[in-house]
């Protein structure tokens, strides 16, 4: 198969964003005939029409929309390449761009990433928080080096992503002192009607907790559902309800959130994965983070 001509692809990309060959020619400073000829060559190579005529203008065909998605990613990576090369050698800082799924406890993310911040190299940690699907898309576009999340990457499709288990953390229920005194005595059977804060159904932990409650025949009063684990623990600290968290973080939760564990939820655990791009030469900080992954239950987070 003939290699793709990126000059032809660039002309297509500009036409698609400008909406017309004339405007694209003005932007690129070339003749309209030049762009038309390059588009024809690209369409001939791909074997599909990339545009359909609509009145006096052009609209993308189905094949054109698919091609534009890839072209966007290609030229975004090109811009990133230029920036990376331009800035290389300016300092010796190793940058790790980490995405953190909003459902992961932030204290847990800090404990896991402390391996990276403790590296002998000069490391700059750049963290983004967001929903799983958005972070996965950013990883696919190489805008992130690693994503910490509560589930592995989906199997199949065009994504080439590694999923490395970092640990499995036993989970319990925590609460402010007043609620803890009220519900600790007959735990877990005394939780019927107790105010409970839960992650939304987008998070894997939610399903584990619901199965645990169903197995015990307990029906608490769910007073709040949260996408962001930090927001959930903030409301828990304020006394709105009991909230789940890794038992390994009990000391930190007590000191920072003034909340104490009520009891363990037997069989309920939070799994953390590191998602990274499939590359032959991988980021040294990602390698360190994933080293020793799939080690099973991690009794303590700090110093991981």
C-alpha atoms as a PDB file:
ATOM      1  CA  UNK A   1       0.000   0.000   0.000  1.00  0.00           C
ATOM      2  CA  UNK A   2       1.310   3.453  -0.926  1.00  0.00           C
ATOM      3  CA  UNK A   3       2.297   5.491   2.170  1.00  0.00           C
ATOM      4  CA  UNK A   4      -0.046   8.355   2.999  1.00  0.00           C
ATOM      5  CA  UNK A   5       1.009  11.742   1.661  1.00  0.00           C
ATOM      6  CA  UNK A   6       0.720  14.075   4.660  1.00  0.00           C
ATOM      7  CA  UNK A   7       0.734  17.183   2.466  1.00  0.00           C
ATOM      8  CA  UNK A   8      -2.429  15.915   0.768  1.00  0.00           C
ATOM      9  CA  UNK A   9      -3.879  15.116   4.187  1.00  0.00           C
ATOM     10  CA  UNK A  10      -3.066  18.595   5.467  1.00  0.00           C
ATOM     11  CA  UNK A  11      -4.872  20.205   2.540  1.00  0.00           C
ATOM     12  CA  UNK A  12      -7.913  18.024   3.247  1.00  0.00           C
ATOM     13  CA  UNK A  13      -7.766  18.937   6.942  1.00  0.00           C
ATOM     14  CA  UNK A  14      -7.703  22.685   6.230  1.00  0.00           C
ATOM     15  CA  UNK A  15     -10.576  22.428   3.693  1.00  0.00           C
ATOM     16  CA  UNK A  16     -12.647  20.462   6.202  1.00  0.00           C
ATOM     17  CA  UNK A  17     -12.178  23.095   8.918  1.00  0.00           C
ATOM     18  CA  UNK A  18     -12.556  26.097   6.610  1.00  0.00           C
ATOM     19  CA  UNK A  19     -15.641  24.673   4.908  1.00  0.00           C
ATOM     20  CA  UNK A  20     -14.549  25.522   1.360  1.00  0.00           C
ATOM     21  CA  UNK A  21     -11.629  25.090  -1.003  1.00  0.00           C
ATOM     22  CA  UNK A  22     -11.523  28.844  -1.689  1.00  0.00           C
ATOM     23  CA  UNK A  23     -11.084  29.772   1.992  1.00  0.00           C
ATOM     24  CA  UNK A  24      -8.547  26.989   2.438  1.00  0.00           C
ATOM     25  CA  UNK A  25      -6.562  28.298  -0.539  1.00  0.00           C
ATOM     26  CA  UNK A  26      -6.548  31.792   0.982  1.00  0.00           C
ATOM     27  CA  UNK A  27      -5.393  30.443   4.342  1.00  0.00           C
ATOM     28  CA  UNK A  28      -2.620  28.333   2.816  1.00  0.00           C
ATOM     29  CA  UNK A  29      -1.609  30.887   0.170  1.00  0.00           C
ATOM     30  CA  UNK A  30      -1.909  28.471  -2.738  1.00  0.00           C
ATOM     31  CA  UNK A  31      -4.110  28.259  -5.825  1.00  0.00           C
ATOM     32  CA  UNK A  32      -7.552  26.716  -5.668  1.00  0.00           C
ATOM     33  CA  UNK A  33      -6.532  24.339  -8.454  1.00  0.00           C
ATOM     34  CA  UNK A  34      -3.609  23.089  -6.360  1.00  0.00           C
ATOM     35  CA  UNK A  35      -5.861  22.130  -3.458  1.00  0.00           C
ATOM     36  CA  UNK A  36      -8.443  20.517  -5.747  1.00  0.00           C
ATOM     37  CA  UNK A  37      -5.736  18.428  -7.357  1.00  0.00           C
ATOM     38  CA  UNK A  38      -4.264  17.334  -4.010  1.00  0.00           C
ATOM     39  CA  UNK A  39      -7.721  16.357  -2.710  1.00  0.00           C
ATOM     40  CA  UNK A  40      -8.365  14.293  -5.826  1.00  0.00           C
ATOM     41  CA  UNK A  41      -5.097  12.429  -5.329  1.00  0.00           C
ATOM     42  CA  UNK A  42      -5.939  11.744  -1.656  1.00  0.00           C
ATOM     43  CA  UNK A  43      -9.438  10.498  -2.510  1.00  0.00           C
ATOM     44  CA  UNK A  44      -8.000   8.277  -5.238  1.00  0.00           C
ATOM     45  CA  UNK A  45      -5.531   6.757  -2.786  1.00  0.00           C
ATOM     46  CA  UNK A  46      -8.184   6.183  -0.103  1.00  0.00           C
ATOM     47  CA  UNK A  47     -10.737   4.943  -2.603  1.00  0.00           C
ATOM     48  CA  UNK A  48     -13.512   7.092  -1.114  1.00  0.00           C
ATOM     49  CA  UNK A  49     -14.972  10.530  -1.737  1.00  0.00           C
ATOM     50  CA  UNK A  50     -14.225  12.737   1.262  1.00  0.00           C
ATOM     51  CA  UNK A  51     -16.663  15.547   0.405  1.00  0.00           C
ATOM     52  CA  UNK A  52     -20.132  15.839  -1.083  1.00  0.00           C
ATOM     53  CA  UNK A  53     -21.392  18.941  -2.895  1.00  0.00           C
ATOM     54  CA  UNK A  54     -24.158  20.863  -1.157  1.00  0.00           C
ATOM     55  CA  UNK A  55     -25.321  23.955  -3.009  1.00  0.00           C
ATOM     56  CA  UNK A  56     -22.216  26.003  -3.623  1.00  0.00           C
ATOM     57  CA  UNK A  57     -20.355  24.456  -0.734  1.00  0.00           C
ATOM     58  CA  UNK A  58     -18.910  21.170   0.432  1.00  0.00           C
ATOM     59  CA  UNK A  59     -19.900  18.866   3.262  1.00  0.00           C
ATOM     60  CA  UNK A  60     -17.948  15.947   4.611  1.00  0.00           C
ATOM     61  CA  UNK A  61     -19.007  12.497   3.495  1.00  0.00           C
ATOM     62  CA  UNK A  62     -19.166   9.619   5.979  1.00  0.00           C
ATOM     63  CA  UNK A  63     -15.636   8.652   4.936  1.00  0.00           C
ATOM     64  CA  UNK A  64     -14.585  12.301   5.248  1.00  0.00           C
ATOM     65  CA  UNK A  65     -15.844  12.512   8.827  1.00  0.00           C
ATOM     66  CA  UNK A  66     -13.871   9.394   9.730  1.00  0.00           C
ATOM     67  CA  UNK A  67     -10.757  10.776   8.023  1.00  0.00           C
ATOM     68  CA  UNK A  68     -11.112  14.125   9.780  1.00  0.00           C
ATOM     69  CA  UNK A  69     -11.118  12.473  13.201  1.00  0.00           C
ATOM     70  CA  UNK A  70      -7.781  10.842  12.471  1.00  0.00           C
ATOM     71  CA  UNK A  71      -6.393  13.974  10.824  1.00  0.00           C
ATOM     72  CA  UNK A  72      -7.263  16.047  13.899  1.00  0.00           C
ATOM     73  CA  UNK A  73      -5.292  13.663  16.087  1.00  0.00           C
ATOM     74  CA  UNK A  74      -2.362  13.498  13.659  1.00  0.00           C
ATOM     75  CA  UNK A  75      -1.921  17.276  13.473  1.00  0.00           C
ATOM     76  CA  UNK A  76      -2.481  17.744  17.212  1.00  0.00           C
ATOM     77  CA  UNK A  77       0.340  15.275  17.776  1.00  0.00           C
ATOM     78  CA  UNK A  78       2.402  17.209  15.240  1.00  0.00           C
ATOM     79  CA  UNK A  79       1.941  20.394  17.266  1.00  0.00           C
ATOM     80  CA  UNK A  80       2.847  18.519  20.440  1.00  0.00           C
ATOM     81  CA  UNK A  81       5.977  17.165  18.753  1.00  0.00           C
ATOM     82  CA  UNK A  82       7.109  20.656  17.776  1.00  0.00           C
ATOM     83  CA  UNK A  83       6.531  21.934  21.331  1.00  0.00           C
ATOM     84  CA  UNK A  84       8.343  18.975  22.876  1.00  0.00           C
ATOM     85  CA  UNK A  85      11.375  19.292  20.620  1.00  0.00           C
ATOM     86  CA  UNK A  86      11.476  23.075  21.030  1.00  0.00           C
ATOM     87  CA  UNK A  87      11.430  22.800  24.820  1.00  0.00           C
ATOM     88  CA  UNK A  88      13.777  19.810  25.046  1.00  0.00           C
ATOM     89  CA  UNK A  89      17.122  20.608  26.546  1.00  0.00           C
ATOM     90  CA  UNK A  90      15.818  23.778  28.231  1.00  0.00           C
ATOM     91  CA  UNK A  91      15.932  21.985  31.582  1.00  0.00           C
ATOM     92  CA  UNK A  92      16.311  18.481  32.976  1.00  0.00           C
ATOM     93  CA  UNK A  93      12.792  18.261  34.379  1.00  0.00           C
ATOM     94  CA  UNK A  94      10.923  15.006  33.821  1.00  0.00           C
ATOM     95  CA  UNK A  95       7.245  15.787  33.289  1.00  0.00           C
ATOM     96  CA  UNK A  96       4.522  13.276  34.097  1.00  0.00           C
ATOM     97  CA  UNK A  97       1.064  14.197  32.835  1.00  0.00           C
ATOM     98  CA  UNK A  98      -1.299  12.134  34.975  1.00  0.00           C
ATOM     99  CA  UNK A  99      -5.061  11.865  34.675  1.00  0.00           C
ATOM    100  CA  UNK A 100      -6.961  10.944  37.838  1.00  0.00           C
ATOM    101  CA  UNK A 101     -10.461   9.548  37.544  1.00  0.00           C
ATOM    102  CA  UNK A 102     -12.840  11.621  39.671  1.00  0.00           C
ATOM    103  CA  UNK A 103     -14.064   8.520  41.528  1.00  0.00           C
ATOM    104  CA  UNK A 104     -10.664   7.677  42.998  1.00  0.00           C
ATOM    105  CA  UNK A 105      -9.987   8.903  46.568  1.00  0.00           C
ATOM    106  CA  UNK A 106      -7.533  11.759  46.277  1.00  0.00           C
ATOM    107  CA  UNK A 107      -5.524  10.609  49.287  1.00  0.00           C
ATOM    108  CA  UNK A 108      -5.123   7.266  47.547  1.00  0.00           C
ATOM    109  CA  UNK A 109      -3.971   8.918  44.317  1.00  0.00           C
ATOM    110  CA  UNK A 110      -1.442  10.946  46.297  1.00  0.00           C
ATOM    111  CA  UNK A 111      -0.100   7.848  48.002  1.00  0.00           C
ATOM    112  CA  UNK A 112       0.331   6.018  44.707  1.00  0.00           C
ATOM    113  CA  UNK A 113       1.956   8.953  42.918  1.00  0.00           C
ATOM    114  CA  UNK A 114       4.356   9.520  45.805  1.00  0.00           C
ATOM    115  CA  UNK A 115       6.574   6.875  44.166  1.00  0.00           C
ATOM    116  CA  UNK A 116       7.031   9.274  41.285  1.00  0.00           C
ATOM    117  CA  UNK A 117       7.590  12.406  43.346  1.00  0.00           C
ATOM    118  CA  UNK A 118      10.262  10.537  45.317  1.00  0.00           C
ATOM    119  CA  UNK A 119      12.314   9.831  42.174  1.00  0.00           C
ATOM    120  CA  UNK A 120      15.892  11.065  42.150  1.00  0.00           C
ATOM    121  CA  UNK A 121      15.144  12.977  38.928  1.00  0.00           C
ATOM    122  CA  UNK A 122      13.698  16.471  38.959  1.00  0.00           C
ATOM    123  CA  UNK A 123      10.026  15.591  38.394  1.00  0.00           C
ATOM    124  CA  UNK A 124       7.166  17.903  37.561  1.00  0.00           C
ATOM    125  CA  UNK A 125       3.772  16.276  38.141  1.00  0.00           C
ATOM    126  CA  UNK A 126       0.935  17.675  36.009  1.00  0.00           C
ATOM    127  CA  UNK A 127      -2.421  16.297  37.196  1.00  0.00           C
ATOM    128  CA  UNK A 128      -5.803  16.467  35.488  1.00  0.00           C
ATOM    129  CA  UNK A 129      -9.014  15.171  37.018  1.00  0.00           C
ATOM    130  CA  UNK A 130     -12.031  14.070  35.026  1.00  0.00           C
ATOM    131  CA  UNK A 131     -14.415  11.344  33.959  1.00  0.00           C
ATOM    132  CA  UNK A 132     -13.061   7.995  32.815  1.00  0.00           C
ATOM    133  CA  UNK A 133     -14.104   8.318  29.150  1.00  0.00           C
ATOM    134  CA  UNK A 134     -12.637  11.826  28.799  1.00  0.00           C
ATOM    135  CA  UNK A 135      -9.336  10.832  30.377  1.00  0.00           C
ATOM    136  CA  UNK A 136      -9.124   7.748  28.163  1.00  0.00           C
ATOM    137  CA  UNK A 137      -9.579   9.958  25.105  1.00  0.00           C
ATOM    138  CA  UNK A 138      -6.820  12.297  26.318  1.00  0.00           C
ATOM    139  CA  UNK A 139      -4.549   9.281  26.832  1.00  0.00           C
ATOM    140  CA  UNK A 140      -5.282   8.021  23.325  1.00  0.00           C
ATOM    141  CA  UNK A 141      -4.285  11.421  21.951  1.00  0.00           C
ATOM    142  CA  UNK A 142      -1.026  11.258  23.983  1.00  0.00           C
ATOM    143  CA  UNK A 143      -2.015  14.335  25.969  1.00  0.00           C
ATOM    144  CA  UNK A 144      -1.611  12.239  29.117  1.00  0.00           C
ATOM    145  CA  UNK A 145       1.134   9.782  30.046  1.00  0.00           C
ATOM    146  CA  UNK A 146      -0.901   7.745  32.523  1.00  0.00           C
ATOM    147  CA  UNK A 147      -4.438   7.552  33.901  1.00  0.00           C
ATOM    148  CA  UNK A 148      -5.288   6.318  37.406  1.00  0.00           C
ATOM    149  CA  UNK A 149      -8.751   4.800  37.428  1.00  0.00           C
ATOM    150  CA  UNK A 150     -10.970   2.214  39.100  1.00  0.00           C
ATOM    151  CA  UNK A 151     -11.349  -0.032  36.038  1.00  0.00           C
ATOM    152  CA  UNK A 152      -9.200  -1.447  33.241  1.00  0.00           C
ATOM    153  CA  UNK A 153      -9.329  -0.059  29.722  1.00  0.00           C
ATOM    154  CA  UNK A 154     -12.089  -1.517  27.533  1.00  0.00           C
ATOM    155  CA  UNK A 155     -11.104  -4.503  25.440  1.00  0.00           C
ATOM    156  CA  UNK A 156     -11.308  -4.313  21.658  1.00  0.00           C
ATOM    157  CA  UNK A 157     -11.560  -1.345  19.329  1.00  0.00           C
ATOM    158  CA  UNK A 158      -8.629   0.644  18.048  1.00  0.00           C
ATOM    159  CA  UNK A 159      -7.244   1.694  21.430  1.00  0.00           C
ATOM    160  CA  UNK A 160      -3.838   0.271  22.275  1.00  0.00           C
ATOM    161  CA  UNK A 161      -3.656   0.833  26.002  1.00  0.00           C
ATOM    162  CA  UNK A 162      -2.021  -1.122  28.816  1.00  0.00           C
ATOM    163  CA  UNK A 163      -3.975  -1.683  32.057  1.00  0.00           C
ATOM    164  CA  UNK A 164      -1.724  -2.352  35.054  1.00  0.00           C
ATOM    165  CA  UNK A 165      -3.325  -3.202  38.432  1.00  0.00           C
ATOM    166  CA  UNK A 166      -1.717  -1.071  41.140  1.00  0.00           C
ATOM    167  CA  UNK A 167      -3.514  -2.587  44.090  1.00  0.00           C
ATOM    168  CA  UNK A 168      -6.750  -3.668  45.695  1.00  0.00           C
ATOM    169  CA  UNK A 169      -7.775  -1.730  48.788  1.00  0.00           C
ATOM    170  CA  UNK A 170     -10.230  -3.054  51.371  1.00  0.00           C
ATOM    171  CA  UNK A 171     -13.069  -0.574  51.892  1.00  0.00           C
ATOM    172  CA  UNK A 172     -15.036   0.419  54.973  1.00  0.00           C
ATOM    173  CA  UNK A 173     -17.595   2.992  56.033  1.00  0.00           C
ATOM    174  CA  UNK A 174     -16.473   6.220  57.712  1.00  0.00           C
ATOM    175  CA  UNK A 175     -18.382   9.010  59.430  1.00  0.00           C
ATOM    176  CA  UNK A 176     -18.022  12.030  61.665  1.00  0.00           C
ATOM    177  CA  UNK A 177     -17.851  11.249  65.384  1.00  0.00           C
ATOM    178  CA  UNK A 178     -21.559  11.810  66.050  1.00  0.00           C
ATOM    179  CA  UNK A 179     -22.747   9.475  63.286  1.00  0.00           C
ATOM    180  CA  UNK A 180     -20.040   6.945  64.113  1.00  0.00           C
ATOM    181  CA  UNK A 181     -21.207   6.708  67.746  1.00  0.00           C
ATOM    182  CA  UNK A 182     -24.775   6.228  66.553  1.00  0.00           C
ATOM    183  CA  UNK A 183     -24.149   3.453  64.029  1.00  0.00           C
ATOM    184  CA  UNK A 184     -21.002   1.638  65.158  1.00  0.00           C
ATOM    185  CA  UNK A 185     -22.531  -0.526  67.903  1.00  0.00           C
ATOM    186  CA  UNK A 186     -24.561  -2.882  65.748  1.00  0.00           C
ATOM    187  CA  UNK A 187     -22.471  -2.681  62.565  1.00  0.00           C
ATOM    188  CA  UNK A 188     -23.327  -3.663  59.905  1.00  0.00           C
ATOM    189  CA  UNK A 189     -26.865  -4.819  60.724  1.00  0.00           C
ATOM    190  CA  UNK A 190     -27.741  -1.539  62.406  1.00  0.00           C
ATOM    191  CA  UNK A 191     -27.294   0.390  59.168  1.00  0.00           C
ATOM    192  CA  UNK A 192     -30.949   0.089  58.180  1.00  0.00           C
ATOM    193  CA  UNK A 193     -32.200   3.625  57.557  1.00  0.00           C
ATOM    194  CA  UNK A 194     -28.741   5.117  58.194  1.00  0.00           C
ATOM    195  CA  UNK A 195     -27.834   8.122  56.001  1.00  0.00           C
ATOM    196  CA  UNK A 196     -25.402   6.923  53.345  1.00  0.00           C
ATOM    197  CA  UNK A 197     -23.312   8.736  50.725  1.00  0.00           C
ATOM    198  CA  UNK A 198     -22.334   6.721  47.653  1.00  0.00           C
ATOM    199  CA  UNK A 199     -20.435   7.167  44.417  1.00  0.00           C
ATOM    200  CA  UNK A 200     -22.660   7.327  41.334  1.00  0.00           C
ATOM    201  CA  UNK A 201     -23.345   4.221  39.282  1.00  0.00           C
ATOM    202  CA  UNK A 202     -20.528   5.157  36.890  1.00  0.00           C
ATOM    203  CA  UNK A 203     -18.040   3.915  39.479  1.00  0.00           C
ATOM    204  CA  UNK A 204     -17.156   0.258  39.974  1.00  0.00           C
ATOM    205  CA  UNK A 205     -17.217   0.626  43.778  1.00  0.00           C
ATOM    206  CA  UNK A 206     -20.938   1.445  43.724  1.00  0.00           C
ATOM    207  CA  UNK A 207     -21.843  -2.012  42.410  1.00  0.00           C
ATOM    208  CA  UNK A 208     -19.704  -3.734  45.053  1.00  0.00           C
ATOM    209  CA  UNK A 209     -21.363  -1.780  47.862  1.00  0.00           C
ATOM    210  CA  UNK A 210     -24.882  -2.430  46.579  1.00  0.00           C
ATOM    211  CA  UNK A 211     -24.207  -6.186  46.394  1.00  0.00           C
ATOM    212  CA  UNK A 212     -22.852  -6.095  49.959  1.00  0.00           C
ATOM    213  CA  UNK A 213     -25.968  -4.317  51.224  1.00  0.00           C
ATOM    214  CA  UNK A 214     -28.235  -6.706  49.334  1.00  0.00           C
ATOM    215  CA  UNK A 215     -26.392  -9.736  50.676  1.00  0.00           C
ATOM    216  CA  UNK A 216     -26.921  -8.526  54.248  1.00  0.00           C
ATOM    217  CA  UNK A 217     -30.510  -7.435  53.636  1.00  0.00           C
ATOM    218  CA  UNK A 218     -29.753  -3.843  54.699  1.00  0.00           C
ATOM    219  CA  UNK A 219     -31.650  -0.836  53.319  1.00  0.00           C
ATOM    220  CA  UNK A 220     -29.923   2.421  54.282  1.00  0.00           C
ATOM    221  CA  UNK A 221     -31.180   5.885  53.376  1.00  0.00           C
ATOM    222  CA  UNK A 222     -29.081   7.039  50.410  1.00  0.00           C
ATOM    223  CA  UNK A 223     -28.929  10.807  50.925  1.00  0.00           C
ATOM    224  CA  UNK A 224     -26.311  11.671  48.300  1.00  0.00           C
ATOM    225  CA  UNK A 225     -24.604  10.350  45.159  1.00  0.00           C
ATOM    226  CA  UNK A 226     -21.341  11.855  43.933  1.00  0.00           C
ATOM    227  CA  UNK A 227     -19.183  11.686  40.813  1.00  0.00           C
ATOM    228  CA  UNK A 228     -16.255  13.202  42.698  1.00  0.00           C
ATOM    229  CA  UNK A 229     -14.920  11.242  45.667  1.00  0.00           C
ATOM    230  CA  UNK A 230     -13.439  14.397  47.220  1.00  0.00           C
ATOM    231  CA  UNK A 231     -16.853  16.064  47.223  1.00  0.00           C
ATOM    232  CA  UNK A 232     -18.401  12.953  48.768  1.00  0.00           C
ATOM    233  CA  UNK A 233     -15.901  12.924  51.632  1.00  0.00           C
ATOM    234  CA  UNK A 234     -16.385  16.668  52.174  1.00  0.00           C
ATOM    235  CA  UNK A 235     -20.120  16.149  52.682  1.00  0.00           C
ATOM    236  CA  UNK A 236     -19.321  13.162  54.895  1.00  0.00           C
ATOM    237  CA  UNK A 237     -17.051  15.316  57.002  1.00  0.00           C
ATOM    238  CA  UNK A 238     -19.915  17.759  57.406  1.00  0.00           C
ATOM    239  CA  UNK A 239     -22.097  15.028  58.890  1.00  0.00           C
ATOM    240  CA  UNK A 240     -24.498  14.467  55.994  1.00  0.00           C
ATOM    241  CA  UNK A 241     -23.964  10.712  56.045  1.00  0.00           C
ATOM    242  CA  UNK A 242     -21.671   7.707  56.207  1.00  0.00           C
ATOM    243  CA  UNK A 243     -19.253   7.356  53.295  1.00  0.00           C
ATOM    244  CA  UNK A 244     -17.014   4.588  51.883  1.00  0.00           C
ATOM    245  CA  UNK A 245     -13.236   4.904  51.777  1.00  0.00           C
ATOM    246  CA  UNK A 246     -10.165   2.626  51.789  1.00  0.00           C
ATOM    247  CA  UNK A 247      -9.421   1.367  55.297  1.00  0.00           C
ATOM    248  CA  UNK A 248      -5.710   1.862  54.600  1.00  0.00           C
ATOM    249  CA  UNK A 249      -6.383   5.597  54.716  1.00  0.00           C
ATOM    250  CA  UNK A 250      -8.020   5.557  58.173  1.00  0.00           C
ATOM    251  CA  UNK A 251      -5.234   7.554  59.833  1.00  0.00           C
ATOM    252  CA  UNK A 252      -5.156  10.201  57.115  1.00  0.00           C
ATOM    253  CA  UNK A 253      -8.953  10.472  56.979  1.00  0.00           C
ATOM    254  CA  UNK A 254      -9.046  10.957  60.745  1.00  0.00           C
ATOM    255  CA  UNK A 255      -6.459  13.739  60.692  1.00  0.00           C
ATOM    256  CA  UNK A 256      -7.634  15.547  57.543  1.00  0.00           C
ATOM    257  CA  UNK A 257     -11.381  14.923  57.506  1.00  0.00           C
ATOM    258  CA  UNK A 258     -12.030  14.381  61.225  1.00  0.00           C
ATOM    259  CA  UNK A 259     -13.874  11.162  60.364  1.00  0.00           C
ATOM    260  CA  UNK A 260     -13.409   7.676  61.794  1.00  0.00           C
ATOM    261  CA  UNK A 261     -14.044   4.162  60.478  1.00  0.00           C
ATOM    262  CA  UNK A 262     -17.278   2.474  61.575  1.00  0.00           C
ATOM    263  CA  UNK A 263     -16.467  -0.947  60.172  1.00  0.00           C
ATOM    264  CA  UNK A 264     -15.200  -2.925  57.218  1.00  0.00           C
ATOM    265  CA  UNK A 265     -17.449  -3.968  54.363  1.00  0.00           C
ATOM    266  CA  UNK A 266     -16.384  -7.585  53.981  1.00  0.00           C
ATOM    267  CA  UNK A 267     -15.706  -8.469  50.364  1.00  0.00           C
ATOM    268  CA  UNK A 268     -15.842  -4.851  49.189  1.00  0.00           C
ATOM    269  CA  UNK A 269     -12.625  -3.437  47.817  1.00  0.00           C
ATOM    270  CA  UNK A 270     -11.486  -0.675  45.513  1.00  0.00           C
ATOM    271  CA  UNK A 271      -9.218  -1.662  42.652  1.00  0.00           C
ATOM    272  CA  UNK A 272      -6.894   0.900  41.128  1.00  0.00           C
ATOM    273  CA  UNK A 273      -5.384   0.611  37.652  1.00  0.00           C
ATOM    274  CA  UNK A 274      -2.772   2.595  35.780  1.00  0.00           C
ATOM    275  CA  UNK A 275      -3.650   2.976  32.090  1.00  0.00           C
ATOM    276  CA  UNK A 276      -0.786   3.842  29.768  1.00  0.00           C
ATOM    277  CA  UNK A 277      -0.170   3.977  26.044  1.00  0.00           C
ATOM    278  CA  UNK A 278       1.325   1.008  24.263  1.00  0.00           C
ATOM    279  CA  UNK A 279       4.772   2.268  23.430  1.00  0.00           C
ATOM    280  CA  UNK A 280       8.057   0.495  22.925  1.00  0.00           C
ATOM    281  CA  UNK A 281       9.872   3.276  24.802  1.00  0.00           C
ATOM    282  CA  UNK A 282       7.794   4.101  27.842  1.00  0.00           C
ATOM    283  CA  UNK A 283       7.896   7.022  30.237  1.00  0.00           C
ATOM    284  CA  UNK A 284      10.341   6.269  33.110  1.00  0.00           C
ATOM    285  CA  UNK A 285       7.923   7.643  35.721  1.00  0.00           C
ATOM    286  CA  UNK A 286       5.118   5.460  34.332  1.00  0.00           C
ATOM    287  CA  UNK A 287       7.444   2.459  34.461  1.00  0.00           C
ATOM    288  CA  UNK A 288       8.194   3.193  38.122  1.00  0.00           C
ATOM    289  CA  UNK A 289       4.523   3.687  38.977  1.00  0.00           C
ATOM    290  CA  UNK A 290       3.575   0.373  37.363  1.00  0.00           C
ATOM    291  CA  UNK A 291       6.528  -1.571  38.768  1.00  0.00           C
ATOM    292  CA  UNK A 292       5.272  -4.188  41.187  1.00  0.00           C
ATOM    293  CA  UNK A 293       1.701  -3.770  39.922  1.00  0.00           C
ATOM    294  CA  UNK A 294      -0.762  -6.617  40.251  1.00  0.00           C
ATOM    295  CA  UNK A 295       0.548  -7.213  43.740  1.00  0.00           C
ATOM    296  CA  UNK A 296      -2.916  -7.757  45.187  1.00  0.00           C
ATOM    297  CA  UNK A 297      -4.093  -6.272  48.450  1.00  0.00           C
ATOM    298  CA  UNK A 298      -2.056  -3.297  49.618  1.00  0.00           C
ATOM    299  CA  UNK A 299      -2.437  -2.850  53.382  1.00  0.00           C
ATOM    300  CA  UNK A 300      -1.060   0.687  53.463  1.00  0.00           C
ATOM    301  CA  UNK A 301      -0.901   3.405  50.880  1.00  0.00           C
ATOM    302  CA  UNK A 302       1.591   5.867  52.247  1.00  0.00           C
ATOM    303  CA  UNK A 303       5.102   5.171  51.124  1.00  0.00           C
ATOM    304  CA  UNK A 304       3.862   2.964  48.279  1.00  0.00           C
END
